[in-house]
N, C-alpha and C. Protein backbone atom coordinates (compact mmCIF):
# COMPACT_ATOMS: atom_id res chain seq x y z
N UNK A 1 0.79 -1.38 0.34
CA UNK A 1 0.15 0.16 0.00
C UNK A 1 1.00 0.93 0.17
N UNK A 2 0.62 2.03 -0.74
CA UNK A 2 1.21 3.69 -0.96
C UNK A 2 0.56 4.72 -0.49
N UNK A 3 1.13 5.08 0.84
CA UNK A 3 0.21 6.00 1.43
C UNK A 3 1.28 7.24 1.49
N UNK A 4 0.82 8.52 0.66
CA UNK A 4 1.63 9.67 0.62
C UNK A 4 1.72 10.44 1.98
N UNK A 5 3.00 10.71 1.98
CA UNK A 5 3.49 11.25 3.44
C UNK A 5 3.82 12.62 3.61
N UNK A 6 3.61 13.42 4.07
CA UNK A 6 4.04 14.74 4.29
C UNK A 6 5.39 14.97 4.53
N UNK A 7 6.10 16.13 4.60
CA UNK A 7 7.45 16.38 4.73
C UNK A 7 7.77 16.41 6.50
N UNK A 8 6.93 16.42 7.08
CA UNK A 8 7.00 15.92 8.53
C UNK A 8 6.76 14.96 8.83
N UNK A 9 6.47 13.60 8.17
CA UNK A 9 6.04 12.43 8.33
C UNK A 9 4.54 12.25 8.70
N UNK A 10 3.74 13.15 8.64
CA UNK A 10 2.40 13.06 8.91
C UNK A 10 1.56 12.47 7.47
N UNK A 11 0.44 12.12 7.65
CA UNK A 11 -0.31 11.89 6.78
C UNK A 11 -1.82 12.69 6.86
N UNK A 12 -2.28 13.08 5.57
CA UNK A 12 -3.45 13.92 5.91
C UNK A 12 -4.95 13.01 6.19
N UNK A 13 -5.93 13.78 6.43
CA UNK A 13 -7.19 13.08 6.71
C UNK A 13 -7.75 12.24 5.66
N UNK A 14 -7.87 12.65 4.15
CA UNK A 14 -8.03 11.43 3.39
C UNK A 14 -7.48 10.15 3.57
N UNK A 15 -6.17 10.12 3.69
CA UNK A 15 -5.38 8.76 3.94
C UNK A 15 -5.96 7.99 5.07
N UNK A 16 -5.95 8.84 6.27
CA UNK A 16 -6.28 8.51 7.60
C UNK A 16 -7.80 7.82 7.18
N UNK A 17 -8.96 8.41 6.84
CA UNK A 17 -9.87 7.69 6.75
C UNK A 17 -9.92 6.42 5.57
N UNK A 18 -9.07 6.45 4.46
CA UNK A 18 -9.25 5.41 3.86
C UNK A 18 -8.52 4.38 4.82
N UNK A 19 -7.43 4.62 5.50
CA UNK A 19 -6.87 3.47 6.19
C UNK A 19 -7.57 3.10 7.64
N UNK A 20 -8.54 3.92 7.86
CA UNK A 20 -9.62 3.45 8.81
C UNK A 20 -10.49 2.42 8.42
N UNK A 21 -11.12 3.12 7.16
CA UNK A 21 -11.70 1.99 6.54
C UNK A 21 -11.54 0.69 6.01
N UNK A 22 -10.28 0.30 5.36
CA UNK A 22 -9.67 -0.70 5.18
C UNK A 22 -9.49 -1.44 6.87
N UNK A 23 -9.18 -1.03 7.63
CA UNK A 23 -9.18 -1.38 8.89
C UNK A 23 -10.69 -2.16 9.41
N UNK A 24 -11.34 -1.29 9.30
CA UNK A 24 -12.85 -1.61 9.48
C UNK A 24 -13.12 -2.95 8.75
N UNK A 25 -12.85 -2.89 7.55
CA UNK A 25 -13.38 -4.12 6.69
C UNK A 25 -12.58 -5.26 6.74
N UNK A 26 -11.32 -4.99 7.03
CA UNK A 26 -10.29 -6.35 7.67
C UNK A 26 -10.94 -6.96 8.70
N UNK A 27 -11.36 -5.95 9.81
CA UNK A 27 -11.87 -6.64 11.07
C UNK A 27 -12.91 -7.45 10.88
N UNK A 28 -14.04 -7.01 10.28
CA UNK A 28 -14.91 -8.09 9.80
C UNK A 28 -14.56 -9.55 8.64
N UNK A 29 -13.23 -8.93 7.81
CA UNK A 29 -13.41 -9.98 6.93
C UNK A 29 -12.27 -10.93 7.40
N UNK A 30 -11.45 -10.87 8.20
CA UNK A 30 -10.25 -11.16 8.51
C UNK A 30 -10.30 -12.79 8.58
N UNK A 31 -11.45 -13.17 9.21
CA UNK A 31 -11.48 -14.60 8.71
C UNK A 31 -11.50 -15.18 7.41
N UNK A 32 -12.02 -14.71 6.52
CA UNK A 32 -11.78 -14.85 4.80
C UNK A 32 -10.67 -14.74 4.43
N UNK A 33 -9.81 -14.08 5.16
CA UNK A 33 -8.39 -13.88 4.56
C UNK A 33 -7.21 -14.55 5.35
N UNK A 34 -7.06 -14.61 6.46
CA UNK A 34 -5.88 -14.97 7.06
C UNK A 34 -6.01 -16.44 7.44
N UNK A 35 -4.86 -17.21 7.12
CA UNK A 35 -4.57 -18.76 7.40
C UNK A 35 -5.78 -19.50 6.32
N UNK A 36 -6.03 -18.94 4.94
CA UNK A 36 -6.85 -19.25 4.09
C UNK A 36 -5.97 -19.87 3.01
N UNK A 37 -6.45 -20.91 2.17
CA UNK A 37 -6.04 -21.21 0.81
C UNK A 37 -6.67 -21.00 -0.27
N UNK A 38 -5.92 -21.14 -1.50
CA UNK A 38 -7.15 -20.95 -2.74
C UNK A 38 -7.72 -22.22 -2.74
N UNK A 39 -9.14 -22.00 -3.48
CA UNK A 39 -10.08 -23.25 -3.30
C UNK A 39 -9.62 -23.55 -4.89
N UNK A 40 -10.37 -24.99 -5.26
CA UNK A 40 -9.98 -25.40 -6.22
C UNK A 40 -10.30 -24.60 -7.62
N UNK A 41 -11.35 -23.55 -7.45
CA UNK A 41 -11.44 -22.59 -8.67
C UNK A 41 -11.45 -21.37 -7.83
N UNK A 42 -10.72 -20.70 -8.41
CA UNK A 42 -10.43 -19.30 -8.01
C UNK A 42 -11.50 -18.27 -8.05
N UNK A 43 -12.36 -18.05 -8.78
CA UNK A 43 -13.52 -17.20 -9.29
C UNK A 43 -14.42 -17.37 -10.57
N UNK A 44 -15.76 -16.71 -10.53
CA UNK A 44 -16.41 -16.92 -11.48
C UNK A 44 -17.05 -15.43 -11.66
N UNK A 45 -17.98 -15.27 -12.64
CA UNK A 45 -18.40 -14.12 -13.08
C UNK A 45 -17.89 -13.52 -14.39
N UNK A 46 -18.26 -12.45 -14.94
CA UNK A 46 -18.04 -11.92 -16.09
C UNK A 46 -16.46 -11.38 -16.24
N UNK A 47 -15.91 -10.82 -15.09
CA UNK A 47 -14.45 -10.63 -15.18
C UNK A 47 -13.53 -11.74 -15.43
N UNK A 48 -13.66 -13.00 -14.61
CA UNK A 48 -12.94 -14.21 -14.82
C UNK A 48 -13.36 -14.70 -16.20
N UNK A 49 -14.65 -14.69 -16.66
CA UNK A 49 -14.64 -15.28 -17.81
C UNK A 49 -14.30 -14.48 -19.06
N UNK A 50 -14.14 -13.18 -19.04
CA UNK A 50 -13.34 -12.38 -19.85
C UNK A 50 -12.22 -12.17 -19.81
N UNK A 51 -11.49 -12.35 -18.68
CA UNK A 51 -9.90 -11.97 -18.40
C UNK A 51 -9.20 -13.28 -18.37
N UNK A 52 -9.77 -14.35 -18.09
CA UNK A 52 -9.10 -15.66 -17.90
C UNK A 52 -10.23 -16.86 -17.75
N UNK A 53 -9.75 -18.12 -18.17
CA UNK A 53 -10.68 -18.95 -17.98
C UNK A 53 -10.92 -19.45 -16.69
N UNK A 54 -12.73 -19.50 -16.60
CA UNK A 54 -12.71 -20.13 -15.19
C UNK A 54 -11.89 -20.91 -14.16
N UNK A 55 -10.86 -21.67 -14.73
CA UNK A 55 -10.25 -22.64 -14.03
C UNK A 55 -8.75 -22.06 -13.90
N UNK A 56 -8.68 -20.72 -14.40
CA UNK A 56 -7.16 -20.24 -14.57
C UNK A 56 -6.80 -19.13 -13.74
N UNK A 57 -6.22 -18.51 -12.98
CA UNK A 57 -5.97 -17.70 -12.16
C UNK A 57 -4.82 -16.71 -13.08
N UNK A 58 -5.02 -15.51 -13.12
CA UNK A 58 -4.27 -14.48 -14.00
C UNK A 58 -3.89 -13.10 -13.23
N UNK A 59 -2.79 -12.53 -14.10
CA UNK A 59 -2.76 -11.21 -13.38
C UNK A 59 -3.32 -10.12 -14.23
N UNK A 60 -4.22 -10.34 -14.90
CA UNK A 60 -5.13 -9.25 -15.83
C UNK A 60 -6.19 -8.42 -15.02
N UNK A 61 -6.50 -9.03 -13.74
CA UNK A 61 -7.88 -8.89 -13.38
C UNK A 61 -8.07 -6.95 -13.19
N UNK A 62 -7.18 -6.49 -12.58
CA UNK A 62 -7.38 -5.34 -12.29
C UNK A 62 -7.46 -4.33 -13.37
N UNK A 63 -7.66 -4.69 -14.60
CA UNK A 63 -7.79 -3.54 -15.62
C UNK A 63 -9.64 -3.68 -16.00
N UNK A 64 -10.34 -4.33 -15.39
CA UNK A 64 -11.64 -4.05 -15.59
C UNK A 64 -12.49 -3.70 -14.33
N UNK A 65 -13.74 -3.61 -14.29
CA UNK A 65 -14.85 -3.12 -13.28
C UNK A 65 -15.32 -4.48 -12.87
N UNK A 66 -15.17 -4.64 -11.85
CA UNK A 66 -15.87 -5.61 -10.91
C UNK A 66 -17.61 -5.51 -10.71
N UNK A 67 -18.14 -6.43 -10.85
CA UNK A 67 -19.52 -6.27 -10.54
C UNK A 67 -20.23 -7.17 -9.43
N UNK A 68 -21.62 -7.39 -9.18
CA UNK A 68 -21.64 -8.29 -7.93
C UNK A 68 -21.99 -9.63 -8.88
N UNK A 69 -21.68 -9.90 -10.03
CA UNK A 69 -21.92 -11.24 -10.61
C UNK A 69 -20.20 -11.63 -10.45
N UNK A 70 -19.36 -10.86 -9.94
CA UNK A 70 -17.63 -11.47 -9.94
C UNK A 70 -17.67 -11.80 -8.44
N UNK A 71 -17.19 -13.25 -8.40
CA UNK A 71 -17.07 -13.86 -7.08
C UNK A 71 -15.71 -14.50 -6.89
N UNK A 72 -14.97 -14.41 -5.91
CA UNK A 72 -13.74 -14.88 -5.76
C UNK A 72 -13.88 -15.75 -4.67
N UNK A 73 -13.16 -16.99 -4.65
CA UNK A 73 -13.01 -18.22 -3.39
C UNK A 73 -11.88 -18.42 -2.84
N UNK A 74 -11.88 -18.94 -1.57
CA UNK A 74 -10.88 -19.27 -0.94
C UNK A 74 -11.24 -20.32 -0.13
N UNK A 75 -10.34 -20.90 0.71
CA UNK A 75 -10.90 -22.03 2.09
C UNK A 75 -10.24 -22.15 3.00
N UNK A 76 -10.71 -22.49 4.27
CA UNK A 76 -9.97 -22.60 5.32
C UNK A 76 -10.64 -24.10 6.16
N UNK A 77 -10.02 -25.10 6.09
CA UNK A 77 -10.72 -26.31 6.23
C UNK A 77 -11.56 -26.81 5.63
N UNK A 78 -12.91 -26.91 6.22
CA UNK A 78 -13.91 -27.18 5.37
C UNK A 78 -14.86 -26.12 4.79
N UNK A 79 -14.63 -24.86 5.31
CA UNK A 79 -15.22 -23.71 4.89
C UNK A 79 -14.78 -23.14 3.58
N UNK A 80 -15.86 -22.91 2.83
CA UNK A 80 -15.42 -21.92 1.26
C UNK A 80 -15.86 -20.49 1.77
N UNK A 81 -14.93 -19.62 1.48
CA UNK A 81 -15.58 -18.35 1.67
C UNK A 81 -15.72 -17.72 0.01
N UNK A 82 -16.94 -17.20 -0.18
CA UNK A 82 -17.03 -16.71 -1.64
C UNK A 82 -17.31 -15.24 -1.37
N UNK A 83 -16.20 -14.23 -2.06
CA UNK A 83 -16.36 -12.80 -2.07
C UNK A 83 -16.90 -12.17 -2.77
N UNK A 84 -18.03 -11.62 -2.67
CA UNK A 84 -18.71 -10.84 -4.02
C UNK A 84 -18.22 -9.67 -4.13
N UNK A 85 -17.62 -9.13 -5.09
CA UNK A 85 -16.80 -8.21 -5.61
C UNK A 85 -17.25 -6.70 -5.60
N UNK A 86 -18.81 -6.59 -5.57
CA UNK A 86 -19.50 -5.29 -5.78
C UNK A 86 -20.66 -5.67 -4.94
N UNK A 87 -21.25 -4.50 -4.41
CA UNK A 87 -22.32 -4.49 -3.50
C UNK A 87 -23.38 -5.29 -4.04
N UNK A 88 -24.39 -6.43 -3.99
CA UNK A 88 -25.33 -6.82 -4.92
C UNK A 88 -26.22 -6.08 -5.12
N UNK A 89 -26.75 -6.22 -6.56
CA UNK A 89 -28.35 -5.23 -6.84
C UNK A 89 -29.40 -6.45 -6.71
N UNK A 90 -29.02 -7.75 -7.02
CA UNK A 90 -30.14 -8.48 -7.17
C UNK A 90 -29.83 -9.84 -6.10
N UNK A 91 -30.21 -11.12 -6.33
CA UNK A 91 -29.86 -12.23 -5.56
C UNK A 91 -28.43 -12.59 -5.72
N UNK A 92 -27.89 -13.35 -5.10
CA UNK A 92 -26.71 -13.77 -5.13
C UNK A 92 -26.60 -14.95 -6.10
N UNK A 93 -26.02 -15.24 -7.08
CA UNK A 93 -25.87 -16.68 -7.41
C UNK A 93 -24.77 -17.05 -7.63
N UNK A 94 -24.19 -18.06 -6.85
CA UNK A 94 -22.83 -18.85 -7.11
C UNK A 94 -22.82 -20.40 -7.98
N UNK A 95 -22.42 -20.09 -8.97
CA UNK A 95 -22.57 -21.12 -10.00
C UNK A 95 -21.88 -22.57 -9.63
N UNK A 96 -20.62 -22.08 -9.09
CA UNK A 96 -19.60 -23.14 -8.65
C UNK A 96 -20.04 -23.90 -7.19
N UNK A 97 -20.93 -23.52 -6.70
CA UNK A 97 -21.73 -24.10 -5.59
C UNK A 97 -23.13 -24.77 -5.83
N UNK A 98 -23.38 -25.13 -6.99
CA UNK A 98 -24.56 -25.86 -7.75
C UNK A 98 -24.45 -27.40 -7.37
N UNK A 99 -25.59 -28.18 -7.23
CA UNK A 99 -25.29 -29.66 -6.87
C UNK A 99 -24.47 -30.38 -8.10
N UNK A 100 -24.59 -29.55 -9.22
CA UNK A 100 -24.27 -30.47 -10.80
C UNK A 100 -22.50 -30.32 -10.50
N UNK A 101 -22.30 -29.51 -9.89
CA UNK A 101 -20.56 -29.25 -9.90
C UNK A 101 -20.08 -30.13 -9.05
N UNK A 102 -21.01 -31.08 -8.16
CA UNK A 102 -19.94 -31.81 -7.22
C UNK A 102 -18.91 -31.35 -6.21
N UNK A 103 -19.21 -30.17 -5.95
CA UNK A 103 -18.35 -29.63 -4.95
C UNK A 103 -18.78 -29.56 -3.32
N UNK A 104 -19.87 -30.24 -3.27
CA UNK A 104 -20.14 -30.98 -1.96
C UNK A 104 -21.77 -30.22 -1.97
N UNK A 105 -22.19 -30.77 -0.66
CA UNK A 105 -23.49 -30.29 -0.07
C UNK A 105 -23.00 -29.14 0.61
N UNK A 106 -23.80 -27.61 0.57
CA UNK A 106 -23.94 -26.85 1.45
C UNK A 106 -24.66 -26.95 2.52
N UNK A 107 -24.01 -27.07 3.78
CA UNK A 107 -24.82 -26.97 4.80
C UNK A 107 -25.53 -25.76 5.82
N UNK A 108 -24.76 -24.75 5.40
CA UNK A 108 -24.96 -23.57 6.19
C UNK A 108 -24.11 -22.48 5.39
N UNK A 109 -24.69 -21.33 5.39
CA UNK A 109 -24.22 -20.20 4.97
C UNK A 109 -24.10 -18.87 5.83
N UNK A 110 -23.23 -18.16 6.32
CA UNK A 110 -23.29 -16.88 7.10
C UNK A 110 -22.69 -15.81 6.22
N UNK A 111 -22.83 -14.63 6.66
CA UNK A 111 -22.53 -13.43 6.30
C UNK A 111 -21.52 -12.75 7.60
N UNK A 112 -20.33 -12.69 7.04
CA UNK A 112 -19.08 -12.40 8.02
C UNK A 112 -19.83 -10.75 8.19
N UNK A 113 -19.72 -10.74 9.59
CA UNK A 113 -20.22 -9.24 10.25
C UNK A 113 -21.64 -9.03 10.29
N UNK A 114 -22.25 -10.09 10.28
CA UNK A 114 -23.96 -10.04 10.24
C UNK A 114 -24.57 -11.45 11.02
N UNK A 115 -25.33 -10.82 11.67
CA UNK A 115 -26.46 -12.21 12.49
C UNK A 115 -27.45 -12.32 11.52
N UNK A 116 -27.56 -11.67 10.76
CA UNK A 116 -28.75 -11.94 9.62
C UNK A 116 -28.81 -13.45 9.39
N UNK A 117 -30.17 -13.95 9.38
CA UNK A 117 -30.29 -15.48 9.00
C UNK A 117 -30.46 -15.37 7.46
N UNK A 118 -29.54 -15.91 6.57
CA UNK A 118 -29.33 -15.81 5.42
C UNK A 118 -30.45 -16.78 5.03
N UNK A 119 -31.12 -16.60 3.68
CA UNK A 119 -32.19 -17.34 3.17
C UNK A 119 -31.58 -17.75 1.71
N UNK A 120 -31.40 -19.35 1.46
CA UNK A 120 -30.58 -19.48 0.33
C UNK A 120 -31.22 -20.86 -0.31
N UNK A 121 -30.89 -21.30 -1.22
CA UNK A 121 -31.21 -22.71 -2.25
C UNK A 121 -29.99 -23.20 -2.94
N UNK A 122 -29.59 -24.41 -2.56
CA UNK A 122 -28.80 -25.20 -3.60
C UNK A 122 -29.40 -25.85 -4.74
N UNK A 123 -29.59 -25.35 -5.70
CA UNK A 123 -29.98 -25.74 -6.70
C UNK A 123 -29.03 -26.68 -7.80
N UNK A 124 -29.42 -27.33 -8.52
CA UNK A 124 -28.91 -28.10 -9.55
C UNK A 124 -27.93 -27.33 -10.18
N UNK A 125 -27.76 -26.14 -10.65
CA UNK A 125 -26.91 -25.54 -11.39
C UNK A 125 -26.29 -24.29 -10.55
N UNK A 126 -26.74 -24.01 -9.50
CA UNK A 126 -26.44 -22.84 -8.56
C UNK A 126 -26.70 -22.78 -7.22
N UNK A 127 -25.89 -21.98 -6.27
CA UNK A 127 -26.33 -21.80 -4.98
C UNK A 127 -26.89 -20.37 -5.22
N UNK A 128 -28.26 -19.99 -4.65
CA UNK A 128 -28.76 -18.92 -4.79
C UNK A 128 -29.05 -18.31 -3.27
N UNK A 129 -28.60 -17.12 -3.37
CA UNK A 129 -28.96 -16.02 -1.79
C UNK A 129 -30.31 -15.49 -2.34
N UNK A 130 -31.58 -15.29 -1.89
CA UNK A 130 -32.44 -14.62 -2.38
C UNK A 130 -32.12 -12.97 -2.10
N UNK A 131 -33.01 -12.51 -2.95
CA UNK A 131 -32.57 -11.01 -3.43
C UNK A 131 -33.11 -10.10 -2.08
N UNK A 132 -32.51 -9.07 -1.97
CA UNK A 132 -33.06 -8.21 -0.90
C UNK A 132 -32.26 -7.04 -1.22
N UNK A 133 -32.54 -5.77 -0.64
CA UNK A 133 -31.91 -4.67 -0.91
C UNK A 133 -30.64 -3.98 -0.19
N UNK A 134 -29.64 -4.00 -0.82
CA UNK A 134 -28.66 -3.47 -0.67
C UNK A 134 -28.37 -2.10 -0.47
N UNK A 135 -27.37 -1.11 0.14
CA UNK A 135 -26.97 -0.01 -0.33
C UNK A 135 -25.58 0.08 -0.10
N UNK A 136 -24.94 0.84 -0.97
CA UNK A 136 -23.47 0.92 -1.01
C UNK A 136 -22.98 1.94 -0.40
């Protein structure tokens, strides 16, 4: 991370706000980051399908805009973490977790940082979390 520093060694309020936002996000999501490993599929969605084949990771992703259809995966023990790359506008659909993919039966879903009970279905072609209103 590159943070511009003033001549006296301090950083301005904008950089402080950015660092505080990153720290807050990390506090909620650290479980899905630290001590995790890549899952057998790195991701799915328009960016993965456009930039790379779905079964191969690459270094060209940063050149396009992510949407709520772009999902990245990692794992820890038996838990699979699916990170949605933008605030969802509709239901979340994860094709890699459909029954036909044979990636296992999903037993439960949690949303990190929330106590909300997640309503979902594992269909033949995808795991679907019901639509709800989100705010950016």
